[in-house]
Amino acid sequence: AGAGRRDSVVRRAGDQDGQAHVRVRDRGALEGATVVWRAIAGEEQRLGGKGRILVRPSGTEPLLRVMVEGREAQQVANLAKGIADVVQRVAA
């Protein structure tokens, strides 16, 4: 998958999912939150091209959704929680 085409990543057999939801007052709070985007970039490097991270606002609830895919279940769960913690500090 190309760097600009995150939506084209195909899940492979054995990939693990990790999700976290962060309740927020403003679902648009991430737009200028560089600390969150830096944390995401750092964690994507730790995945070493063998997974992806998606953080997006819910369309129907005052939530930001953190979704992580990767090969190792424990790593995926830890990354989802860690990113959710950063989002919580910045956007909640």
C-alpha atoms as a PDB file:
ATOM      1  CA  ALA A   1       0.000   0.000   0.000  1.00  0.00           C
ATOM      2  CA  GLY A   2       1.227   3.506  -0.771  1.00  0.00           C
ATOM      3  CA  ALA A   3       1.876   5.986   2.004  1.00  0.00           C
ATOM      4  CA  GLY A   4      -1.075   8.161   0.987  1.00  0.00           C
ATOM      5  CA  ARG A   5      -3.458   5.244   0.580  1.00  0.00           C
ATOM      6  CA  ARG A   6      -4.169   4.032   4.104  1.00  0.00           C
ATOM      7  CA  ASP A   7      -7.653   2.930   3.038  1.00  0.00           C
ATOM      8  CA  SER A   8      -6.148   0.403   0.617  1.00  0.00           C
ATOM      9  CA  VAL A   9      -4.420  -1.690   3.311  1.00  0.00           C
ATOM     10  CA  VAL A  10      -5.706  -5.240   3.139  1.00  0.00           C
ATOM     11  CA  ARG A  11      -5.948  -7.175   6.389  1.00  0.00           C
ATOM     12  CA  ARG A  12      -3.914 -10.352   6.431  1.00  0.00           C
ATOM     13  CA  ALA A  13      -4.833 -13.577   8.164  1.00  0.00           C
ATOM     14  CA  GLY A  14      -3.615 -13.380  11.737  1.00  0.00           C
ATOM     15  CA  ASP A  15      -3.919  -9.604  12.084  1.00  0.00           C
ATOM     16  CA  GLN A  16      -5.204  -8.463  15.478  1.00  0.00           C
ATOM     17  CA  ASP A  17      -7.581  -5.589  16.260  1.00  0.00           C
ATOM     18  CA  GLY A  18      -7.441  -3.220  19.199  1.00  0.00           C
ATOM     19  CA  GLN A  19     -10.038  -0.535  19.823  1.00  0.00           C
ATOM     20  CA  ALA A  20     -10.637   2.181  22.365  1.00  0.00           C
ATOM     21  CA  HIS A  21     -13.252   4.912  22.601  1.00  0.00           C
ATOM     22  CA  VAL A  22     -12.679   8.289  24.223  1.00  0.00           C
ATOM     23  CA  ARG A  23     -15.675  10.415  25.218  1.00  0.00           C
ATOM     24  CA  VAL A  24     -15.078  14.064  24.242  1.00  0.00           C
ATOM     25  CA  ARG A  25     -16.936  17.363  24.241  1.00  0.00           C
ATOM     26  CA  ASP A  26     -15.732  18.300  20.752  1.00  0.00           C
ATOM     27  CA  ARG A  27     -15.254  15.581  18.133  1.00  0.00           C
ATOM     28  CA  GLY A  28     -13.150  18.017  16.083  1.00  0.00           C
ATOM     29  CA  ALA A  29     -10.633  18.495  18.898  1.00  0.00           C
ATOM     30  CA  LEU A  30      -7.926  16.462  17.136  1.00  0.00           C
ATOM     31  CA  GLU A  31      -7.512  18.827  14.215  1.00  0.00           C
ATOM     32  CA  GLY A  32      -4.876  20.968  15.919  1.00  0.00           C
ATOM     33  CA  ALA A  33      -3.653  18.408  18.466  1.00  0.00           C
ATOM     34  CA  THR A  34      -0.085  17.905  17.255  1.00  0.00           C
ATOM     35  CA  VAL A  35       0.852  15.946  20.388  1.00  0.00           C
ATOM     36  CA  VAL A  36      -1.714  13.299  19.409  1.00  0.00           C
ATOM     37  CA  TRP A  37      -0.523  13.109  15.805  1.00  0.00           C
ATOM     38  CA  ARG A  38       3.104  12.823  16.938  1.00  0.00           C
ATOM     39  CA  ALA A  39       2.151   9.986  19.291  1.00  0.00           C
ATOM     40  CA  ILE A  40       0.334   8.207  16.463  1.00  0.00           C
ATOM     41  CA  ALA A  41       3.314   8.633  14.112  1.00  0.00           C
ATOM     42  CA  GLY A  42       5.664   7.228  16.740  1.00  0.00           C
ATOM     43  CA  GLU A  43       3.466   4.213  17.374  1.00  0.00           C
ATOM     44  CA  GLU A  44       3.101   3.573  13.644  1.00  0.00           C
ATOM     45  CA  GLN A  45       6.890   3.378  13.463  1.00  0.00           C
ATOM     46  CA  ARG A  46       6.836   0.778  16.241  1.00  0.00           C
ATOM     47  CA  LEU A  47       4.449  -1.299  14.113  1.00  0.00           C
ATOM     48  CA  GLY A  48       7.170  -1.341  11.455  1.00  0.00           C
ATOM     49  CA  GLY A  49       4.804  -1.354   8.492  1.00  0.00           C
ATOM     50  CA  LYS A  50       2.999  -4.420   9.842  1.00  0.00           C
ATOM     51  CA  GLY A  51      -0.171  -2.683  10.948  1.00  0.00           C
ATOM     52  CA  ARG A  52      -2.020   0.595  10.999  1.00  0.00           C
ATOM     53  CA  ILE A  53      -3.604   3.075  13.357  1.00  0.00           C
ATOM     54  CA  LEU A  54      -6.807   4.984  12.718  1.00  0.00           C
ATOM     55  CA  VAL A  55      -8.213   7.698  14.981  1.00  0.00           C
ATOM     56  CA  ARG A  56     -11.500   9.226  13.928  1.00  0.00           C
ATOM     57  CA  PRO A  57     -14.555  10.894  15.406  1.00  0.00           C
ATOM     58  CA  SER A  58     -17.758   8.936  15.729  1.00  0.00           C
ATOM     59  CA  GLY A  59     -20.433  10.148  13.356  1.00  0.00           C
ATOM     60  CA  THR A  60     -23.201   9.744  15.928  1.00  0.00           C
ATOM     61  CA  GLU A  61     -21.722  10.040  19.434  1.00  0.00           C
ATOM     62  CA  PRO A  62     -19.368  12.431  21.262  1.00  0.00           C
ATOM     63  CA  LEU A  63     -16.547   9.895  20.907  1.00  0.00           C
ATOM     64  CA  LEU A  64     -13.202   9.576  19.232  1.00  0.00           C
ATOM     65  CA  ARG A  65     -12.495   6.042  18.095  1.00  0.00           C
ATOM     66  CA  VAL A  66      -8.972   4.619  18.230  1.00  0.00           C
ATOM     67  CA  MET A  67      -8.427   1.531  16.091  1.00  0.00           C
ATOM     68  CA  VAL A  68      -5.153  -0.364  15.791  1.00  0.00           C
ATOM     69  CA  GLU A  69      -4.384  -3.355  13.583  1.00  0.00           C
ATOM     70  CA  GLY A  70      -1.209  -5.398  13.775  1.00  0.00           C
ATOM     71  CA  ARG A  71       0.301  -8.845  14.117  1.00  0.00           C
ATOM     72  CA  GLU A  72       0.753  -9.109  17.899  1.00  0.00           C
ATOM     73  CA  ALA A  73      -2.419  -8.994  20.040  1.00  0.00           C
ATOM     74  CA  GLN A  74      -0.725  -7.612  23.164  1.00  0.00           C
ATOM     75  CA  GLN A  75       1.113  -4.906  21.228  1.00  0.00           C
ATOM     76  CA  VAL A  76      -2.100  -3.885  19.451  1.00  0.00           C
ATOM     77  CA  ALA A  77      -4.015  -3.659  22.748  1.00  0.00           C
ATOM     78  CA  ASN A  78      -1.209  -1.636  24.375  1.00  0.00           C
ATOM     79  CA  LEU A  79      -0.985   0.758  21.427  1.00  0.00           C
ATOM     80  CA  ALA A  80      -4.758   1.346  21.380  1.00  0.00           C
ATOM     81  CA  LYS A  81      -4.767   2.083  25.114  1.00  0.00           C
ATOM     82  CA  GLY A  82      -1.700   4.313  24.934  1.00  0.00           C
ATOM     83  CA  ILE A  83      -3.071   6.407  22.078  1.00  0.00           C
ATOM     84  CA  ALA A  84      -6.478   6.617  23.796  1.00  0.00           C
ATOM     85  CA  ASP A  85      -4.720   7.933  26.918  1.00  0.00           C
ATOM     86  CA  VAL A  86      -3.013  10.685  24.888  1.00  0.00           C
ATOM     87  CA  VAL A  87      -6.309  11.574  23.192  1.00  0.00           C
ATOM     88  CA  GLN A  88      -8.037  11.650  26.596  1.00  0.00           C
ATOM     89  CA  ARG A  89      -5.497  14.126  27.999  1.00  0.00           C
ATOM     90  CA  VAL A  90      -5.792  16.404  24.964  1.00  0.00           C
ATOM     91  CA  ALA A  91      -9.392  16.195  23.807  1.00  0.00           C
ATOM     92  CA  ALA A  92     -11.603  15.153  26.718  1.00  0.00           C
END
